[in-house]
Amino acid sequence: MNALPTTGELFATNQVSPETERYYKYQLRSFENWVWLCNSSIRAWRELQTLRRAAAVDDVATHKVLQVYDEDNSS
C-alpha cells in the first residue's frame, strides 16, 4: 500500500486547510463560468450561421440584420 493519501482521501478526512478548500471552490466556479461562456459562444456562432443560411435564400430582413452585424464587427 502507498503511504501517501490520495486527493480524495484528503478531502474525505478533512485534512485540507480551509484556505485550500476555498481556493478549490473558487477555481471550480471559474471553470463553470468559463464553460458557460464557451457554450454561449458556440450557440451564438450557430445562430449566426443559421441567419447566414437564411440570408442565402434572399430573406431581405435577415440580410439587413446580417449587414448591420457585419458593419458593427468591422468597426
N, C-alpha and C. Protein backbone atom coordinates (compact mmCIF):
# COMPACT_ATOMS: atom_id res chain seq x y z
N MET A 1 0.84 -1.18 0.00
CA MET A 1 0.00 0.00 0.00
C MET A 1 0.88 1.24 0.00
N ASN A 2 0.32 2.28 -0.57
CA ASN A 2 1.02 3.55 -0.64
C ASN A 2 0.74 4.35 0.63
N ALA A 3 1.76 4.89 1.23
CA ALA A 3 1.59 5.64 2.48
C ALA A 3 1.05 7.05 2.23
N LEU A 4 1.20 7.55 1.01
CA LEU A 4 0.70 8.89 0.71
C LEU A 4 -0.81 8.84 0.44
N PRO A 5 -1.59 9.71 1.06
CA PRO A 5 -3.03 9.72 0.82
C PRO A 5 -3.36 10.32 -0.54
N THR A 6 -4.42 9.84 -1.13
CA THR A 6 -4.88 10.40 -2.40
C THR A 6 -5.65 11.68 -2.11
N THR A 7 -5.91 12.44 -3.16
CA THR A 7 -6.65 13.69 -3.00
C THR A 7 -8.03 13.43 -2.42
N GLY A 8 -8.67 12.37 -2.89
CA GLY A 8 -10.00 12.03 -2.36
C GLY A 8 -9.96 11.74 -0.88
N GLU A 9 -8.93 11.03 -0.46
CA GLU A 9 -8.79 10.73 0.98
C GLU A 9 -8.56 12.00 1.78
N LEU A 10 -7.77 12.92 1.22
CA LEU A 10 -7.53 14.19 1.91
C LEU A 10 -8.83 14.96 2.12
N PHE A 11 -9.63 15.02 1.07
CA PHE A 11 -10.91 15.72 1.21
C PHE A 11 -11.84 14.98 2.15
N ALA A 12 -11.85 13.67 2.04
CA ALA A 12 -12.77 12.87 2.85
C ALA A 12 -12.45 12.96 4.34
N THR A 13 -11.18 13.10 4.65
CA THR A 13 -10.80 13.13 6.07
C THR A 13 -10.59 14.55 6.58
N ASN A 14 -10.97 15.55 5.80
CA ASN A 14 -10.86 16.96 6.20
C ASN A 14 -9.44 17.37 6.54
N GLN A 15 -8.47 16.85 5.82
CA GLN A 15 -7.09 17.22 6.06
C GLN A 15 -6.65 18.41 5.20
N VAL A 16 -7.56 18.94 4.41
CA VAL A 16 -7.25 20.10 3.58
C VAL A 16 -7.59 21.34 4.37
N SER A 17 -6.71 22.32 4.32
CA SER A 17 -6.95 23.55 5.08
C SER A 17 -8.16 24.29 4.51
N PRO A 18 -8.83 25.08 5.33
CA PRO A 18 -9.98 25.86 4.84
C PRO A 18 -9.60 26.79 3.68
N GLU A 19 -8.38 27.34 3.71
CA GLU A 19 -7.94 28.22 2.62
C GLU A 19 -7.84 27.46 1.31
N THR A 20 -7.29 26.24 1.38
CA THR A 20 -7.16 25.42 0.18
C THR A 20 -8.53 25.03 -0.35
N GLU A 21 -9.44 24.69 0.54
CA GLU A 21 -10.78 24.32 0.13
C GLU A 21 -11.48 25.49 -0.54
N ARG A 22 -11.33 26.69 0.00
CA ARG A 22 -11.92 27.89 -0.61
C ARG A 22 -11.32 28.12 -2.00
N TYR A 23 -10.03 27.92 -2.13
CA TYR A 23 -9.36 28.09 -3.42
C TYR A 23 -9.93 27.11 -4.45
N TYR A 24 -10.09 25.85 -4.06
CA TYR A 24 -10.66 24.85 -4.98
C TYR A 24 -12.07 25.23 -5.39
N LYS A 25 -12.88 25.69 -4.43
CA LYS A 25 -14.25 26.09 -4.77
C LYS A 25 -14.25 27.27 -5.72
N TYR A 26 -13.33 28.23 -5.50
CA TYR A 26 -13.23 29.38 -6.40
C TYR A 26 -12.84 28.92 -7.80
N GLN A 27 -11.87 28.03 -7.89
CA GLN A 27 -11.42 27.54 -9.19
C GLN A 27 -12.57 26.80 -9.90
N LEU A 28 -13.36 26.06 -9.16
CA LEU A 28 -14.48 25.36 -9.77
C LEU A 28 -15.49 26.35 -10.33
N ARG A 29 -15.79 27.41 -9.58
CA ARG A 29 -16.71 28.44 -10.09
C ARG A 29 -16.14 29.09 -11.33
N SER A 30 -14.85 29.38 -11.34
CA SER A 30 -14.22 29.98 -12.51
C SER A 30 -14.34 29.06 -13.72
N PHE A 31 -14.12 27.77 -13.50
CA PHE A 31 -14.23 26.80 -14.58
C PHE A 31 -15.66 26.73 -15.10
N GLU A 32 -16.64 26.72 -14.20
CA GLU A 32 -18.05 26.69 -14.60
C GLU A 32 -18.39 27.93 -15.43
N ASN A 33 -17.89 29.08 -15.02
CA ASN A 33 -18.14 30.31 -15.79
C ASN A 33 -17.49 30.24 -17.16
N TRP A 34 -16.29 29.68 -17.22
CA TRP A 34 -15.60 29.56 -18.49
C TRP A 34 -16.37 28.62 -19.43
N VAL A 35 -16.85 27.51 -18.91
CA VAL A 35 -17.63 26.57 -19.72
C VAL A 35 -18.90 27.24 -20.23
N TRP A 36 -19.58 28.00 -19.34
CA TRP A 36 -20.80 28.69 -19.75
C TRP A 36 -20.49 29.67 -20.87
N LEU A 37 -19.39 30.40 -20.76
CA LEU A 37 -19.02 31.37 -21.78
C LEU A 37 -18.71 30.69 -23.10
N CYS A 38 -17.99 29.58 -23.06
CA CYS A 38 -17.70 28.84 -24.29
C CYS A 38 -18.97 28.34 -24.95
N ASN A 39 -19.88 27.79 -24.16
CA ASN A 39 -21.14 27.30 -24.71
C ASN A 39 -21.95 28.43 -25.30
N SER A 40 -21.92 29.61 -24.67
CA SER A 40 -22.64 30.76 -25.20
C SER A 40 -22.07 31.17 -26.55
N SER A 41 -20.75 31.14 -26.67
CA SER A 41 -20.11 31.49 -27.95
C SER A 41 -20.50 30.50 -29.03
N ILE A 42 -20.54 29.23 -28.67
CA ILE A 42 -20.93 28.21 -29.65
C ILE A 42 -22.37 28.42 -30.09
N ARG A 43 -23.27 28.70 -29.14
CA ARG A 43 -24.66 28.95 -29.50
C ARG A 43 -24.79 30.18 -30.39
N ALA A 44 -24.08 31.24 -30.06
CA ALA A 44 -24.14 32.47 -30.88
C ALA A 44 -23.61 32.20 -32.28
N TRP A 45 -22.54 31.43 -32.40
CA TRP A 45 -21.99 31.11 -33.71
C TRP A 45 -23.00 30.30 -34.53
N ARG A 46 -23.66 29.36 -33.90
CA ARG A 46 -24.67 28.55 -34.61
C ARG A 46 -25.83 29.42 -35.07
N GLU A 47 -26.26 30.36 -34.22
CA GLU A 47 -27.34 31.27 -34.61
C GLU A 47 -26.92 32.14 -35.80
N LEU A 48 -25.68 32.61 -35.77
CA LEU A 48 -25.18 33.42 -36.88
C LEU A 48 -25.15 32.61 -38.17
N GLN A 49 -24.70 31.37 -38.08
CA GLN A 49 -24.67 30.52 -39.28
C GLN A 49 -26.09 30.26 -39.80
N THR A 50 -27.04 30.08 -38.91
CA THR A 50 -28.44 29.89 -39.32
C THR A 50 -28.95 31.14 -40.03
N LEU A 51 -28.62 32.30 -39.49
CA LEU A 51 -29.02 33.54 -40.15
C LEU A 51 -28.38 33.67 -41.52
N ARG A 52 -27.12 33.32 -41.62
CA ARG A 52 -26.44 33.41 -42.92
C ARG A 52 -27.07 32.46 -43.94
N ARG A 53 -27.46 31.28 -43.50
CA ARG A 53 -28.13 30.35 -44.43
C ARG A 53 -29.48 30.91 -44.86
N ALA A 54 -30.19 31.55 -43.93
CA ALA A 54 -31.48 32.15 -44.28
C ALA A 54 -31.29 33.31 -45.25
N ALA A 55 -30.21 34.07 -45.08
CA ALA A 55 -29.94 35.19 -45.99
C ALA A 55 -29.59 34.69 -47.38
N ALA A 56 -29.06 33.49 -47.48
CA ALA A 56 -28.70 32.92 -48.77
C ALA A 56 -29.92 32.64 -49.64
N VAL A 57 -31.10 32.57 -49.04
CA VAL A 57 -32.32 32.30 -49.81
C VAL A 57 -33.12 33.59 -50.02
N ASP A 58 -32.42 34.73 -50.03
CA ASP A 58 -33.00 36.04 -50.32
C ASP A 58 -34.05 36.49 -49.31
N ASP A 59 -33.81 36.24 -48.04
CA ASP A 59 -34.66 36.78 -46.99
C ASP A 59 -34.17 38.20 -46.71
N VAL A 60 -34.93 39.20 -47.13
CA VAL A 60 -34.49 40.60 -47.07
C VAL A 60 -34.24 41.05 -45.64
N ALA A 61 -35.12 40.73 -44.73
CA ALA A 61 -34.98 41.18 -43.34
C ALA A 61 -33.73 40.58 -42.71
N THR A 62 -33.51 39.29 -42.91
CA THR A 62 -32.32 38.64 -42.36
C THR A 62 -31.06 39.22 -42.97
N HIS A 63 -31.10 39.49 -44.27
CA HIS A 63 -29.94 40.08 -44.93
C HIS A 63 -29.57 41.43 -44.31
N LYS A 64 -30.57 42.25 -44.00
CA LYS A 64 -30.31 43.55 -43.38
C LYS A 64 -29.73 43.40 -41.98
N VAL A 65 -30.22 42.45 -41.22
CA VAL A 65 -29.70 42.21 -39.87
C VAL A 65 -28.23 41.81 -39.96
N LEU A 66 -27.91 40.91 -40.88
CA LEU A 66 -26.52 40.48 -41.03
C LEU A 66 -25.63 41.62 -41.52
N GLN A 67 -26.15 42.47 -42.38
CA GLN A 67 -25.38 43.59 -42.87
C GLN A 67 -25.01 44.53 -41.72
N VAL A 68 -25.96 44.83 -40.85
CA VAL A 68 -25.69 45.68 -39.69
C VAL A 68 -24.70 44.99 -38.76
N TYR A 69 -24.86 43.68 -38.55
CA TYR A 69 -23.95 42.92 -37.69
C TYR A 69 -22.52 42.98 -38.23
N ASP A 70 -22.37 42.77 -39.53
CA ASP A 70 -21.04 42.79 -40.15
C ASP A 70 -20.43 44.18 -40.07
N GLU A 71 -21.22 45.21 -40.28
CA GLU A 71 -20.70 46.58 -40.19
C GLU A 71 -20.27 46.90 -38.76
N ASP A 72 -21.02 46.41 -37.79
CA ASP A 72 -20.70 46.65 -36.39
C ASP A 72 -19.40 45.95 -36.00
N ASN A 73 -19.19 44.75 -36.52
CA ASN A 73 -17.98 43.98 -36.19
C ASN A 73 -16.75 44.52 -36.91
N SER A 74 -16.93 45.16 -38.04
CA SER A 74 -15.77 45.66 -38.78
C SER A 74 -15.24 46.97 -38.21
N SER A 75 -16.05 47.65 -37.40
CA SER A 75 -15.57 48.93 -36.85
C SER A 75 -14.96 48.80 -35.49
